[in-house]
Amino acid sequence: MQNLSNENVGAKEKSSIVPKKYRMHFIMLISCFVLWGLLNNMTDNLVPAFGRIFMLEAADASMTQVAFYGSYAVLALPAAMLIKKYSYRTGVLVGLGLYIVGAMGYIPAAILQNFNLFLVSVFVLAGGLSILETTCNPYVIALGDEETSVRRLNLAQAFNPIGSLSGIILAKYLILSNLNPATYEERVAMSPEALSQIRSNELLWVCVPYVGLVVIAMIIWFFFKRDKGSEKDTSGDLNIVNSIKKLIKIPRYIFGVIAQFFYVGVQISVWTWTIQYVMTTLGLNEADSAQYYLIAIVSFIICRWICTALMKYIDPAIMMSVFAVGGIATSLGTIYLPTNQSVWCLVAISGCMSLMFPTIYGIALKDLGEEVKVGAAGLIMAILGGAVITPLMGSFIDSGALSSIVPMFTGAEAAVRSSFIIPVVCFSVVLIYSLCFRTKKSA
């Protein structure tokens, strides 16, 4: 009877998304997912903020994003080497440590009112987030049975957009709301002392949320520092070249990286240009247009939670196929439908994107064994898709080069509508991946 009882407990643990012994680790890892979601979306708002504070051209202000996403690309592979040689726990500690150092770097940058020093701090901070993402995603996959790995990762990722929503709210009320309304011309006409005083106050509010979050990061850091039990993975031999050679021979993985590149590209580009689309088609100002952006984020969150629950019954790859078709349909609606319907199609795109990142991630890393850590780095480096596809879409908005595909619209509206052919292409890549690499048991 005792053996039968133990077998039942073992079977229950195996079917559980997160086994009881790992639940505290899982909760602390969820905190990391929330943290980088919050920081990603809050940092998006630094572009207009720095543009006004330092009186920069748009191209110069966008160097903030170059520093941010450039750091992701540069540090993902070193992160994989770190966790392959040591452990996931080490990766979490180093990632959080770099975030703390980068965030604290905002203080001297604000005191000196130096934009370049801010860029350095953003690079260091984003490097910490890159290491966290490279570490935490496969770490979550490892906290339980492989059959529930995609569901487990989707559950953890479901908290990421909550962080994103929090980042938007913090940026709006702590950073953007405390920018002085003085225009570029008015600032040029000010005395150096008056301008410095305005900048000092604005940069103080830039620092407040980033430095404030250091307290949360330190709590998570101390948890993993003290809990040696979280060091559950084995390191394996460190041979990155060998690992890469093995990985590029695995179609499921290599095409997963490609699909992730296009997915991240569509997510960041759609969210980047949502406000401009609404302003152009409905004639609203930035503040009113931002309400549609918030609704889109909320729909993203709700759909991800629903999808995570449904994955107990439906193959994640099949669900992703359906949502990719939905993404194509809503993108086409954004291009061609009358304004009232097209705006809601734009909002619905976010719902269609909701399950894609963690599902692609989980499918691509399936059965990689000891190469899962280097494999995770490639999928994080695919975040560069946001830095490539977003400006590409923006160039089509500026030039109106694709306007001929919407002959029923003219001018700026035709330009912004036609640019959404880019999401159609991106969702098509994800659809092909989900169809080609669907397995009977991809969870």
Protein backbone atom coordinates (compact mmCIF):
# COMPACT_ATOMS: atom_id res chain seq x y z
CA MET A 1 0.00 0.00 0.00
CA GLN A 2 2.85 2.36 0.82
CA ASN A 3 4.47 1.74 -2.58
CA LEU A 4 1.15 2.36 -4.31
CA SER A 5 0.77 5.62 -2.39
CA ASN A 6 4.27 6.70 -3.40
CA GLU A 7 3.54 5.86 -7.02
CA ASN A 8 0.37 7.96 -6.93
CA VAL A 9 2.29 10.90 -5.45
CA GLY A 10 4.97 10.49 -8.12
CA ALA A 11 2.38 10.41 -10.90
CA LYS A 12 0.67 13.49 -9.48
CA GLU A 13 4.00 15.34 -9.29
CA LYS A 14 4.78 14.34 -12.87
CA SER A 15 1.46 15.66 -14.18
CA SER A 16 1.71 18.88 -12.14
CA ILE A 17 2.82 21.94 -14.10
CA VAL A 18 5.19 22.89 -11.26
CA PRO A 19 6.17 20.18 -8.74
CA LYS A 20 5.72 21.23 -5.11
CA LYS A 21 9.45 21.15 -4.32
CA TYR A 22 10.17 23.79 -6.99
CA ARG A 23 7.24 26.13 -6.42
CA MET A 24 9.15 28.74 -4.42
CA HIS A 25 11.86 28.83 -7.08
CA PHE A 26 9.14 29.16 -9.72
CA ILE A 27 7.56 32.11 -7.89
CA MET A 28 10.90 33.91 -7.64
CA LEU A 29 11.58 33.26 -11.33
CA ILE A 30 8.14 34.70 -12.14
CA SER A 31 9.31 37.87 -10.37
CA CYS A 32 12.15 38.04 -12.90
CA PHE A 33 9.68 37.68 -15.79
CA VAL A 34 7.63 40.57 -14.38
CA LEU A 35 10.78 42.64 -13.83
CA TRP A 36 12.11 42.48 -17.38
CA GLY A 37 8.63 42.93 -18.88
CA LEU A 38 8.25 46.10 -16.82
CA LEU A 39 11.69 47.40 -17.77
CA ASN A 40 11.30 46.62 -21.49
CA ASN A 41 8.14 48.70 -21.84
CA MET A 42 9.31 51.45 -19.51
CA THR A 43 12.51 51.83 -21.51
CA ASP A 44 10.48 52.32 -24.72
CA ASN A 45 9.28 55.59 -23.21
CA LEU A 46 12.82 56.80 -22.60
CA VAL A 47 13.16 57.56 -26.31
CA PRO A 48 10.66 60.49 -26.32
CA ALA A 49 11.73 61.44 -22.78
CA PHE A 50 15.43 61.75 -23.62
CA GLY A 51 14.53 63.44 -26.90
CA ARG A 52 12.84 66.25 -24.99
CA ILE A 53 15.24 66.41 -22.03
CA PHE A 54 18.45 66.51 -24.08
CA MET A 55 16.86 68.22 -27.13
CA LEU A 56 17.79 65.37 -29.47
CA GLU A 57 16.72 64.47 -32.98
CA ALA A 58 14.61 61.31 -33.21
CA ALA A 59 17.52 59.31 -34.64
CA ASP A 60 19.80 60.33 -31.77
CA ALA A 61 17.15 59.63 -29.11
CA SER A 62 16.59 56.17 -30.62
CA MET A 63 20.17 55.28 -29.65
CA THR A 64 18.52 54.30 -26.36
CA GLN A 65 16.90 51.35 -28.14
CA VAL A 66 20.14 50.55 -29.97
CA ALA A 67 21.94 50.33 -26.62
CA PHE A 68 19.12 48.25 -25.16
CA TYR A 69 18.67 45.67 -27.94
CA GLY A 70 22.35 45.73 -28.83
CA SER A 71 23.12 44.57 -25.32
CA TYR A 72 20.66 41.68 -25.73
CA ALA A 73 22.51 40.55 -28.85
CA VAL A 74 25.98 40.93 -27.35
CA LEU A 75 25.41 39.25 -23.98
CA ALA A 76 23.05 36.37 -24.79
CA LEU A 77 25.85 34.02 -25.88
CA PRO A 78 28.17 34.88 -22.94
CA ALA A 79 25.15 34.21 -20.71
CA ALA A 80 24.80 30.75 -22.24
CA MET A 81 28.51 30.09 -21.61
CA LEU A 82 28.06 31.22 -18.01
CA ILE A 83 25.12 28.96 -17.22
CA LYS A 84 26.60 26.04 -19.17
CA LYS A 85 29.85 26.22 -17.20
CA TYR A 86 28.18 26.91 -13.85
CA SER A 87 24.39 26.84 -13.32
CA TYR A 88 21.06 28.55 -13.86
CA ARG A 89 21.37 29.96 -10.35
CA THR A 90 24.64 31.67 -11.27
CA GLY A 91 22.99 33.16 -14.36
CA VAL A 92 20.16 34.62 -12.27
CA LEU A 93 22.62 36.13 -9.79
CA VAL A 94 24.80 37.71 -12.49
CA GLY A 95 21.78 38.97 -14.47
CA LEU A 96 20.20 40.64 -11.45
CA GLY A 97 23.61 42.01 -10.40
CA LEU A 98 24.12 43.68 -13.78
CA TYR A 99 20.61 45.16 -13.64
CA ILE A 100 21.35 46.63 -10.20
CA VAL A 101 24.67 48.13 -11.41
CA GLY A 102 23.05 49.56 -14.56
CA ALA A 103 20.10 51.05 -12.69
CA MET A 104 22.37 52.65 -10.10
CA GLY A 105 24.36 54.12 -12.98
CA TYR A 106 21.35 56.33 -13.71
CA ILE A 107 22.18 58.37 -10.60
CA PRO A 108 25.58 59.78 -11.71
CA ALA A 109 24.21 60.12 -15.26
CA ALA A 110 21.38 62.29 -13.92
CA ILE A 111 23.68 64.32 -11.69
CA LEU A 112 26.06 64.99 -14.60
CA GLN A 113 23.12 65.36 -17.05
CA ASN A 114 25.05 63.20 -19.51
CA PHE A 115 23.12 61.33 -22.21
CA ASN A 116 26.07 59.11 -23.16
CA LEU A 117 26.42 57.94 -19.57
CA PHE A 118 22.74 57.04 -19.62
CA LEU A 119 23.38 54.95 -22.75
CA VAL A 120 26.15 53.08 -20.96
CA SER A 121 23.82 52.44 -18.01
CA VAL A 122 21.04 51.27 -20.34
CA PHE A 123 23.50 48.87 -22.02
CA VAL A 124 24.60 47.39 -18.67
CA LEU A 125 21.02 47.18 -17.40
CA ALA A 126 19.80 45.49 -20.60
CA GLY A 127 22.77 43.12 -20.42
CA GLY A 128 21.46 41.95 -17.07
CA LEU A 129 18.00 41.43 -18.58
CA SER A 130 19.54 39.50 -21.49
CA ILE A 131 21.28 37.15 -19.06
CA LEU A 132 18.06 36.77 -17.05
CA GLU A 133 16.02 35.88 -20.14
CA THR A 134 18.68 33.47 -21.39
CA THR A 135 18.71 31.84 -17.97
CA CYS A 136 15.15 31.96 -16.66
CA ASN A 137 13.33 30.54 -19.69
CA PRO A 138 15.23 27.20 -19.78
CA TYR A 139 15.36 27.24 -15.96
CA VAL A 140 11.54 27.24 -15.88
CA ILE A 141 11.47 24.44 -18.46
CA ALA A 142 13.76 22.39 -16.20
CA LEU A 143 11.52 22.75 -13.11
CA GLY A 144 9.39 19.70 -13.80
CA ASP A 145 8.43 17.06 -16.31
CA GLU A 146 9.20 17.66 -20.00
CA GLU A 147 5.60 16.86 -20.98
CA THR A 148 4.39 19.99 -19.16
CA SER A 149 7.35 22.21 -20.10
CA VAL A 150 5.57 24.43 -22.66
CA ARG A 151 2.58 24.88 -20.34
CA ARG A 152 4.95 25.76 -17.49
CA LEU A 153 6.82 28.31 -19.61
CA ASN A 154 3.54 29.83 -20.84
CA LEU A 155 2.38 30.13 -17.23
CA ALA A 156 5.59 31.95 -16.25
CA GLN A 157 5.44 34.12 -19.37
CA ALA A 158 1.81 35.00 -18.54
CA PHE A 159 3.18 37.29 -15.82
CA ASN A 160 5.54 39.06 -18.23
CA PRO A 161 2.84 41.27 -19.84
CA ILE A 162 1.62 42.21 -16.35
CA GLY A 163 5.08 43.70 -15.93
CA SER A 164 4.75 45.33 -19.36
CA LEU A 165 1.48 46.98 -18.35
CA SER A 166 3.04 48.15 -15.10
CA GLY A 167 5.98 49.60 -17.04
CA ILE A 168 3.65 51.60 -19.29
CA ILE A 169 1.80 52.98 -16.27
CA LEU A 170 5.01 53.82 -14.36
CA ALA A 171 6.50 55.54 -17.41
CA LYS A 172 3.35 57.54 -18.02
CA TYR A 173 2.88 58.77 -14.46
CA LEU A 174 6.46 58.96 -13.16
CA ILE A 175 8.55 59.83 -16.23
CA LEU A 176 6.42 61.36 -19.00
CA SER A 177 4.08 63.27 -16.66
CA ASN A 178 7.05 64.99 -15.03
CA LEU A 179 8.58 66.28 -18.27
CA ASN A 180 8.57 70.03 -18.49
CA PRO A 181 6.23 71.16 -21.33
CA ALA A 182 8.82 73.65 -22.65
CA THR A 183 9.41 73.15 -26.39
CA TYR A 184 12.77 72.82 -28.11
CA GLU A 185 12.71 76.50 -29.09
CA GLU A 186 11.83 77.58 -25.54
CA ARG A 187 14.64 75.47 -24.10
CA VAL A 188 17.18 76.91 -26.54
CA ALA A 189 16.19 80.39 -25.39
CA MET A 190 16.69 79.58 -21.69
CA SER A 191 19.76 80.42 -19.67
CA PRO A 192 22.08 77.48 -18.92
CA GLU A 193 21.12 77.65 -15.24
CA ALA A 194 17.37 77.54 -15.92
CA LEU A 195 17.75 74.70 -18.43
CA SER A 196 19.94 72.74 -16.00
CA GLN A 197 17.35 73.10 -13.26
CA ILE A 198 14.56 71.78 -15.51
CA ARG A 199 16.70 68.86 -16.66
CA SER A 200 17.68 68.04 -13.08
CA ASN A 201 14.03 67.62 -12.08
CA GLU A 202 13.16 65.63 -15.23
CA LEU A 203 16.12 63.27 -14.83
CA LEU A 204 15.28 62.76 -11.15
CA TRP A 205 11.95 61.25 -12.25
CA VAL A 206 13.69 59.15 -14.89
CA CYS A 207 15.78 57.64 -12.08
CA VAL A 208 12.98 57.05 -9.57
CA PRO A 209 11.37 53.90 -11.06
CA TYR A 210 14.64 52.29 -12.18
CA VAL A 211 16.42 52.81 -8.87
CA GLY A 212 13.27 51.95 -6.90
CA LEU A 213 13.08 48.54 -8.59
CA VAL A 214 16.60 47.78 -7.34
CA VAL A 215 15.02 46.87 -3.97
CA ILE A 216 12.93 44.12 -5.62
CA ALA A 217 15.93 42.89 -7.60
CA MET A 218 17.99 42.64 -4.43
CA ILE A 219 15.30 40.57 -2.66
CA ILE A 220 15.30 38.08 -5.56
CA TRP A 221 19.12 38.12 -5.65
CA PHE A 222 19.41 37.25 -1.94
CA PHE A 223 16.88 34.42 -2.32
CA PHE A 224 18.94 32.69 -5.00
CA LYS A 225 22.22 33.53 -3.25
CA ARG A 226 21.11 31.79 -0.05
CA ASP A 227 19.19 28.89 -1.59
CA LYS A 228 21.78 26.39 -2.77
CA GLY A 229 18.93 23.99 -3.51
CA SER A 230 18.09 26.03 -6.63
CA GLU A 231 21.36 24.81 -8.16
CA LYS A 232 19.54 21.79 -9.61
CA ASP A 233 21.04 21.61 -13.07
CA THR A 234 24.30 20.04 -14.14
CA SER A 235 26.77 22.24 -15.95
CA GLY A 236 28.19 20.00 -18.66
CA ASP A 237 31.30 20.60 -20.74
CA LEU A 238 31.87 24.10 -22.07
CA ASN A 239 32.41 23.82 -25.82
CA ILE A 240 30.37 26.54 -27.53
CA VAL A 241 31.62 25.77 -31.05
CA ASN A 242 30.65 22.13 -30.66
CA SER A 243 27.26 23.11 -29.27
CA ILE A 244 26.56 25.48 -32.16
CA LYS A 245 27.55 22.80 -34.69
CA LYS A 246 25.07 20.40 -33.11
CA LEU A 247 22.30 22.99 -32.89
CA ILE A 248 22.45 24.12 -36.53
CA LYS A 249 21.82 20.53 -37.59
CA ILE A 250 18.48 20.46 -35.73
CA PRO A 251 15.72 21.86 -37.99
CA ARG A 252 13.24 22.27 -35.12
CA TYR A 253 15.73 24.54 -33.34
CA ILE A 254 17.21 26.55 -36.20
CA PHE A 255 13.81 27.33 -37.71
CA GLY A 256 12.60 28.13 -34.19
CA VAL A 257 15.21 30.88 -33.97
CA ILE A 258 14.02 32.24 -37.33
CA ALA A 259 10.38 32.11 -36.23
CA GLN A 260 11.27 33.84 -32.96
CA PHE A 261 13.09 36.60 -34.86
CA PHE A 262 9.95 37.32 -36.89
CA TYR A 263 7.64 36.96 -33.88
CA VAL A 264 9.57 39.45 -31.73
CA GLY A 265 9.75 41.72 -34.77
CA VAL A 266 5.97 41.73 -35.16
CA GLN A 267 5.35 42.23 -31.44
CA ILE A 268 7.62 45.22 -31.04
CA SER A 269 6.71 46.82 -34.37
CA VAL A 270 2.94 46.51 -33.81
CA TRP A 271 3.20 47.95 -30.32
CA THR A 272 5.58 50.69 -31.48
CA TRP A 273 3.28 51.91 -34.25
CA THR A 274 -0.12 51.36 -32.59
CA ILE A 275 -0.38 54.92 -31.27
CA GLN A 276 0.65 56.42 -34.60
CA TYR A 277 -1.92 54.27 -36.44
CA VAL A 278 -4.72 55.41 -34.11
CA MET A 279 -3.65 59.06 -34.30
CA THR A 280 -3.58 58.95 -38.09
CA THR A 281 -6.84 57.06 -38.67
CA LEU A 282 -8.99 58.48 -35.85
CA GLY A 283 -7.36 61.90 -35.57
CA LEU A 284 -6.75 61.58 -31.81
CA ASN A 285 -3.85 62.99 -29.77
CA GLU A 286 -1.13 60.87 -28.15
CA ALA A 287 -2.82 60.55 -24.76
CA ASP A 288 -6.17 59.42 -26.16
CA SER A 289 -4.51 57.09 -28.69
CA ALA A 290 -2.53 55.47 -25.87
CA GLN A 291 -5.79 54.10 -24.45
CA TYR A 292 -6.00 51.71 -27.40
CA TYR A 293 -2.43 50.60 -26.67
CA LEU A 294 -3.40 49.82 -23.07
CA ILE A 295 -6.44 47.84 -24.26
CA ALA A 296 -4.15 45.88 -26.61
CA ILE A 297 -1.82 44.99 -23.72
CA VAL A 298 -4.76 43.90 -21.55
CA SER A 299 -6.06 41.67 -24.38
CA PHE A 300 -2.55 40.20 -24.69
CA ILE A 301 -2.55 39.36 -20.97
CA ILE A 302 -6.05 37.84 -20.96
CA CYS A 303 -5.40 35.71 -24.05
CA ARG A 304 -2.11 34.40 -22.68
CA TRP A 305 -3.80 33.26 -19.47
CA ILE A 306 -6.60 31.59 -21.42
CA CYS A 307 -4.10 29.88 -23.73
CA THR A 308 -2.05 28.63 -20.80
CA ALA A 309 -5.17 26.99 -19.32
CA LEU A 310 -6.20 25.45 -22.65
CA MET A 311 -2.76 23.91 -23.24
CA LYS A 312 -3.74 21.18 -20.80
CA TYR A 313 -6.16 19.95 -23.46
CA ILE A 314 -4.86 21.27 -26.80
CA ASP A 315 -1.47 20.82 -28.47
CA PRO A 316 0.36 24.19 -28.10
CA ALA A 317 1.59 24.04 -31.69
CA ILE A 318 -1.98 23.62 -32.97
CA MET A 319 -3.08 26.60 -30.88
CA MET A 320 -0.20 28.65 -32.27
CA SER A 321 -1.27 27.76 -35.82
CA VAL A 322 -4.79 29.03 -35.12
CA PHE A 323 -3.51 32.23 -33.53
CA ALA A 324 -1.08 32.83 -36.40
CA VAL A 325 -4.00 32.61 -38.84
CA GLY A 326 -5.84 35.04 -36.56
CA GLY A 327 -2.83 37.36 -36.64
CA ILE A 328 -2.80 37.32 -40.45
CA ALA A 329 -6.56 38.00 -40.58
CA THR A 330 -6.49 40.86 -38.06
CA SER A 331 -3.45 42.43 -39.77
CA LEU A 332 -5.32 42.36 -43.10
CA GLY A 333 -8.32 43.89 -41.31
CA THR A 334 -6.04 46.63 -39.99
CA ILE A 335 -5.00 47.35 -43.56
CA TYR A 336 -8.30 47.17 -45.43
CA LEU A 337 -11.34 47.54 -43.15
CA PRO A 338 -13.08 50.88 -42.47
CA THR A 339 -11.56 52.86 -39.61
CA ASN A 340 -13.87 51.84 -36.76
CA GLN A 341 -13.35 48.15 -37.49
CA SER A 342 -9.68 48.42 -38.46
CA VAL A 343 -8.67 49.97 -35.12
CA TRP A 344 -10.19 47.07 -33.24
CA CYS A 345 -8.45 44.64 -35.58
CA LEU A 346 -5.23 46.41 -34.58
CA VAL A 347 -6.04 45.84 -30.90
CA ALA A 348 -6.91 42.19 -31.62
CA ILE A 349 -3.46 41.56 -33.13
CA SER A 350 -2.04 41.66 -29.58
CA GLY A 351 -4.39 38.89 -28.49
CA CYS A 352 -3.18 36.75 -31.39
CA MET A 353 0.45 37.30 -30.37
CA SER A 354 -0.12 36.28 -26.77
CA LEU A 355 1.09 32.66 -26.72
CA MET A 356 3.75 32.81 -29.42
CA PHE A 357 7.03 33.71 -27.68
CA PRO A 358 6.97 30.99 -24.98
CA THR A 359 5.45 28.41 -27.33
CA ILE A 360 8.12 28.88 -30.01
CA TYR A 361 10.70 28.84 -27.23
CA GLY A 362 9.44 25.61 -25.71
CA ILE A 363 9.08 23.78 -29.04
CA ALA A 364 12.52 24.90 -30.26
CA LEU A 365 14.27 23.76 -27.06
CA LYS A 366 12.51 20.38 -26.89
CA ASP A 367 14.86 17.41 -26.56
CA LEU A 368 18.05 19.52 -26.74
CA GLY A 369 19.51 17.89 -23.63
CA GLU A 370 22.74 19.53 -22.44
CA GLU A 371 22.65 21.96 -25.40
CA VAL A 372 19.52 23.65 -24.06
CA LYS A 373 21.52 26.50 -22.48
CA VAL A 374 23.33 27.52 -25.66
CA GLY A 375 20.07 26.96 -27.54
CA ALA A 376 18.33 29.39 -25.20
CA ALA A 377 20.94 32.05 -26.09
CA GLY A 378 20.11 31.79 -29.79
CA LEU A 379 16.42 32.30 -29.07
CA ILE A 380 17.16 35.36 -26.92
CA MET A 381 19.45 36.78 -29.61
CA ALA A 382 16.44 36.49 -31.94
CA ILE A 383 15.00 39.43 -29.99
CA LEU A 384 17.05 41.47 -32.47
CA GLY A 385 14.05 41.01 -34.75
CA GLY A 386 12.47 43.93 -32.91
CA ALA A 387 15.40 46.18 -33.75
CA VAL A 388 15.36 45.15 -37.43
CA ILE A 389 11.68 44.86 -38.33
CA THR A 390 10.41 47.87 -36.34
CA PRO A 391 12.50 50.47 -38.22
CA LEU A 392 11.76 48.66 -41.50
CA MET A 393 8.04 49.09 -40.86
CA GLY A 394 8.70 52.68 -39.81
CA SER A 395 10.47 53.39 -43.10
CA PHE A 396 7.39 52.22 -45.00
CA ILE A 397 5.24 54.53 -42.84
CA ASP A 398 7.56 57.47 -43.59
CA SER A 399 7.89 56.81 -47.32
CA GLY A 400 4.46 55.41 -48.11
CA ALA A 401 6.22 52.97 -50.47
CA LEU A 402 3.49 50.34 -50.04
CA SER A 403 0.53 52.71 -50.33
CA SER A 404 -0.46 51.27 -53.71
CA ILE A 405 -1.87 48.17 -51.97
CA VAL A 406 -4.61 50.33 -50.36
CA PRO A 407 -5.93 52.41 -53.29
CA MET A 408 -9.07 53.30 -51.30
CA PHE A 409 -6.99 55.37 -48.84
CA THR A 410 -4.59 58.27 -49.41
CA GLY A 411 -1.72 60.14 -47.80
CA ALA A 412 -0.54 59.34 -44.27
CA GLU A 413 -3.43 56.95 -43.64
CA ALA A 414 -2.54 54.87 -46.71
CA ALA A 415 1.09 54.80 -45.60
CA VAL A 416 0.41 53.62 -42.05
CA ARG A 417 -2.24 51.10 -43.10
CA SER A 418 -0.12 49.55 -45.86
CA SER A 419 2.86 49.11 -43.49
CA PHE A 420 0.90 46.40 -41.68
CA ILE A 421 1.67 44.03 -44.52
CA ILE A 422 4.89 43.43 -42.53
CA PRO A 423 2.98 41.73 -39.66
CA VAL A 424 1.20 39.57 -42.27
CA VAL A 425 4.60 38.29 -43.41
CA CYS A 426 5.82 37.74 -39.84
CA PHE A 427 2.74 35.79 -38.78
CA SER A 428 3.05 33.69 -41.94
CA VAL A 429 6.56 32.62 -40.88
CA VAL A 430 5.24 31.63 -37.43
CA LEU A 431 2.37 29.71 -39.05
CA ILE A 432 4.74 27.73 -41.27
CA TYR A 433 6.91 26.87 -38.25
CA SER A 434 3.95 25.69 -36.17
CA LEU A 435 2.67 23.51 -39.02
CA CYS A 436 6.03 22.01 -39.92
CA PHE A 437 7.15 21.17 -36.40
CA ARG A 438 3.91 20.16 -34.76
CA THR A 439 4.28 16.89 -32.90
CA LYS A 440 1.76 14.70 -31.18
CA LYS A 441 3.21 15.68 -27.84
CA SER A 442 4.83 19.11 -28.10
CA ALA A 443 3.95 20.17 -24.56
